[in-house]
């Protein structure tokens, strides 16, 4: 029970685990913990405020991570498209002038 109290004291101070600060998965897990604690109705007023603040920060972090991954995927799709277009152009040029084909 003392460990649980320590966790809640950490949350009330706005402390988050190193894992939650360094990975999307860790942040998501911490958000779930926060939701469970808030849903339990056991958090006091100050702890509730601290948990909501922490949760908001984690949600913003997760949103930024998702945006970065989305941009990375979009870049990969664009790179693949450019490669396909270049390959198509090369193939068309070879068909148009078979003697120049390498």
C-alpha atoms as a PDB file:
ATOM      1  CA  UNK A   1       0.000   0.000   0.000  1.00  0.00           C
ATOM      2  CA  UNK A   2       2.918   2.339   0.707  1.00  0.00           C
ATOM      3  CA  UNK A   3       4.166   1.934  -2.865  1.00  0.00           C
ATOM      4  CA  UNK A   4       0.717   2.851  -4.134  1.00  0.00           C
ATOM      5  CA  UNK A   5       0.719   5.971  -1.945  1.00  0.00           C
ATOM      6  CA  UNK A   6       4.156   6.895  -3.294  1.00  0.00           C
ATOM      7  CA  UNK A   7       2.882   6.522  -6.865  1.00  0.00           C
ATOM      8  CA  UNK A   8      -0.024   8.821  -6.115  1.00  0.00           C
ATOM      9  CA  UNK A   9       2.277  11.331  -4.428  1.00  0.00           C
ATOM     10  CA  UNK A  10       4.494  11.273  -7.528  1.00  0.00           C
ATOM     11  CA  UNK A  11       1.446  11.865  -9.705  1.00  0.00           C
ATOM     12  CA  UNK A  12       0.319  14.709  -7.478  1.00  0.00           C
ATOM     13  CA  UNK A  13       3.701  16.368  -7.962  1.00  0.00           C
ATOM     14  CA  UNK A  14       3.429  15.843 -11.727  1.00  0.00           C
ATOM     15  CA  UNK A  15       6.242  13.268 -11.833  1.00  0.00           C
ATOM     16  CA  UNK A  16       6.106  10.743 -14.656  1.00  0.00           C
ATOM     17  CA  UNK A  17       8.164   7.634 -15.219  1.00  0.00           C
ATOM     18  CA  UNK A  18      11.192   7.816 -17.508  1.00  0.00           C
ATOM     19  CA  UNK A  19       9.469   5.291 -19.776  1.00  0.00           C
ATOM     20  CA  UNK A  20       6.427   7.525 -20.193  1.00  0.00           C
ATOM     21  CA  UNK A  21       8.695  10.424 -21.060  1.00  0.00           C
ATOM     22  CA  UNK A  22      10.644   8.550 -23.723  1.00  0.00           C
ATOM     23  CA  UNK A  23       8.142   6.453 -25.641  1.00  0.00           C
ATOM     24  CA  UNK A  24       4.687   6.677 -27.106  1.00  0.00           C
ATOM     25  CA  UNK A  25       3.850   3.282 -25.626  1.00  0.00           C
ATOM     26  CA  UNK A  26       4.972   4.335 -22.155  1.00  0.00           C
ATOM     27  CA  UNK A  27       3.012   7.563 -22.366  1.00  0.00           C
ATOM     28  CA  UNK A  28      -0.088   5.670 -23.496  1.00  0.00           C
ATOM     29  CA  UNK A  29       0.256   3.249 -20.598  1.00  0.00           C
ATOM     30  CA  UNK A  30       0.607   6.131 -18.153  1.00  0.00           C
ATOM     31  CA  UNK A  31      -2.495   7.817 -19.596  1.00  0.00           C
ATOM     32  CA  UNK A  32      -4.417   4.590 -18.966  1.00  0.00           C
ATOM     33  CA  UNK A  33      -3.152   4.542 -15.355  1.00  0.00           C
ATOM     34  CA  UNK A  34      -4.261   8.138 -14.906  1.00  0.00           C
ATOM     35  CA  UNK A  35      -7.710   7.379 -16.289  1.00  0.00           C
ATOM     36  CA  UNK A  36      -8.092   4.383 -13.970  1.00  0.00           C
ATOM     37  CA  UNK A  37      -7.093   6.500 -10.969  1.00  0.00           C
ATOM     38  CA  UNK A  38      -9.471   9.300 -11.905  1.00  0.00           C
ATOM     39  CA  UNK A  39     -12.292   6.826 -12.589  1.00  0.00           C
ATOM     40  CA  UNK A  40     -11.782   5.224  -9.188  1.00  0.00           C
ATOM     41  CA  UNK A  41     -12.980   8.414  -7.501  1.00  0.00           C
ATOM     42  CA  UNK A  42     -10.287   7.988  -4.864  1.00  0.00           C
ATOM     43  CA  UNK A  43      -8.084  10.887  -5.954  1.00  0.00           C
ATOM     44  CA  UNK A  44      -8.349  14.043  -3.936  1.00  0.00           C
ATOM     45  CA  UNK A  45      -8.803  17.471  -5.468  1.00  0.00           C
ATOM     46  CA  UNK A  46      -5.096  18.344  -5.719  1.00  0.00           C
ATOM     47  CA  UNK A  47      -4.171  14.892  -7.003  1.00  0.00           C
ATOM     48  CA  UNK A  48      -6.963  15.117  -9.591  1.00  0.00           C
ATOM     49  CA  UNK A  49      -5.626  18.445 -10.803  1.00  0.00           C
ATOM     50  CA  UNK A  50      -2.077  17.060 -11.006  1.00  0.00           C
ATOM     51  CA  UNK A  51      -3.250  13.949 -12.855  1.00  0.00           C
ATOM     52  CA  UNK A  52      -5.252  15.985 -15.350  1.00  0.00           C
ATOM     53  CA  UNK A  53      -2.243  18.225 -16.011  1.00  0.00           C
ATOM     54  CA  UNK A  54       0.047  15.239 -16.418  1.00  0.00           C
ATOM     55  CA  UNK A  55      -2.468  13.523 -18.680  1.00  0.00           C
ATOM     56  CA  UNK A  56      -2.816  16.591 -20.867  1.00  0.00           C
ATOM     57  CA  UNK A  57       0.956  16.777 -21.298  1.00  0.00           C
ATOM     58  CA  UNK A  58       1.154  13.088 -22.167  1.00  0.00           C
ATOM     59  CA  UNK A  59      -1.698  13.419 -24.672  1.00  0.00           C
ATOM     60  CA  UNK A  60       0.086  16.343 -26.329  1.00  0.00           C
ATOM     61  CA  UNK A  61       3.279  14.262 -26.477  1.00  0.00           C
ATOM     62  CA  UNK A  62       1.414  11.308 -28.023  1.00  0.00           C
ATOM     63  CA  UNK A  63      -0.287  13.567 -30.563  1.00  0.00           C
ATOM     64  CA  UNK A  64       3.089  15.010 -31.592  1.00  0.00           C
ATOM     65  CA  UNK A  65       4.561  11.498 -31.903  1.00  0.00           C
ATOM     66  CA  UNK A  66       1.649  10.380 -34.078  1.00  0.00           C
ATOM     67  CA  UNK A  67       2.039  13.460 -36.256  1.00  0.00           C
ATOM     68  CA  UNK A  68       5.765  12.801 -36.681  1.00  0.00           C
ATOM     69  CA  UNK A  69       5.141   9.179 -37.611  1.00  0.00           C
ATOM     70  CA  UNK A  70       2.422  10.245 -40.046  1.00  0.00           C
ATOM     71  CA  UNK A  71       4.793  12.693 -41.711  1.00  0.00           C
ATOM     72  CA  UNK A  72       7.454   9.992 -41.923  1.00  0.00           C
ATOM     73  CA  UNK A  73       5.004   7.613 -43.575  1.00  0.00           C
ATOM     74  CA  UNK A  74       3.933  10.311 -46.010  1.00  0.00           C
ATOM     75  CA  UNK A  75       7.578  10.937 -46.922  1.00  0.00           C
ATOM     76  CA  UNK A  76       8.094   7.223 -47.506  1.00  0.00           C
ATOM     77  CA  UNK A  77       5.047   7.141 -49.767  1.00  0.00           C
ATOM     78  CA  UNK A  78       6.341  10.132 -51.719  1.00  0.00           C
ATOM     79  CA  UNK A  79       9.783   8.538 -52.069  1.00  0.00           C
ATOM     80  CA  UNK A  80       8.180   5.326 -53.342  1.00  0.00           C
ATOM     81  CA  UNK A  81       6.069   7.313 -55.811  1.00  0.00           C
ATOM     82  CA  UNK A  82       9.123   9.164 -57.152  1.00  0.00           C
ATOM     83  CA  UNK A  83      10.981   5.873 -57.587  1.00  0.00           C
ATOM     84  CA  UNK A  84       8.040   4.315 -59.434  1.00  0.00           C
ATOM     85  CA  UNK A  85       7.690   7.355 -61.695  1.00  0.00           C
ATOM     86  CA  UNK A  86      11.413   7.313 -62.461  1.00  0.00           C
ATOM     87  CA  UNK A  87      11.266   3.588 -63.232  1.00  0.00           C
ATOM     88  CA  UNK A  88       8.236   4.124 -65.485  1.00  0.00           C
ATOM     89  CA  UNK A  89       9.992   6.980 -67.289  1.00  0.00           C
ATOM     90  CA  UNK A  90      13.100   4.850 -67.817  1.00  0.00           C
ATOM     91  CA  UNK A  91      11.037   1.954 -69.127  1.00  0.00           C
ATOM     92  CA  UNK A  92       9.109   4.259 -71.477  1.00  0.00           C
ATOM     93  CA  UNK A  93      12.363   5.746 -72.781  1.00  0.00           C
ATOM     94  CA  UNK A  94      13.730   2.266 -73.454  1.00  0.00           C
ATOM     95  CA  UNK A  95      10.587   1.303 -75.317  1.00  0.00           C
ATOM     96  CA  UNK A  96      10.728   4.484 -77.366  1.00  0.00           C
ATOM     97  CA  UNK A  97      14.405   4.046 -78.298  1.00  0.00           C
ATOM     98  CA  UNK A  98      15.490   0.410 -77.826  1.00  0.00           C
ATOM     99  CA  UNK A  99      18.971   1.104 -79.238  1.00  0.00           C
ATOM    100  CA  UNK A 100      19.752   3.468 -76.323  1.00  0.00           C
ATOM    101  CA  UNK A 101      18.750   0.881 -73.722  1.00  0.00           C
ATOM    102  CA  UNK A 102      21.646  -0.097 -71.493  1.00  0.00           C
END
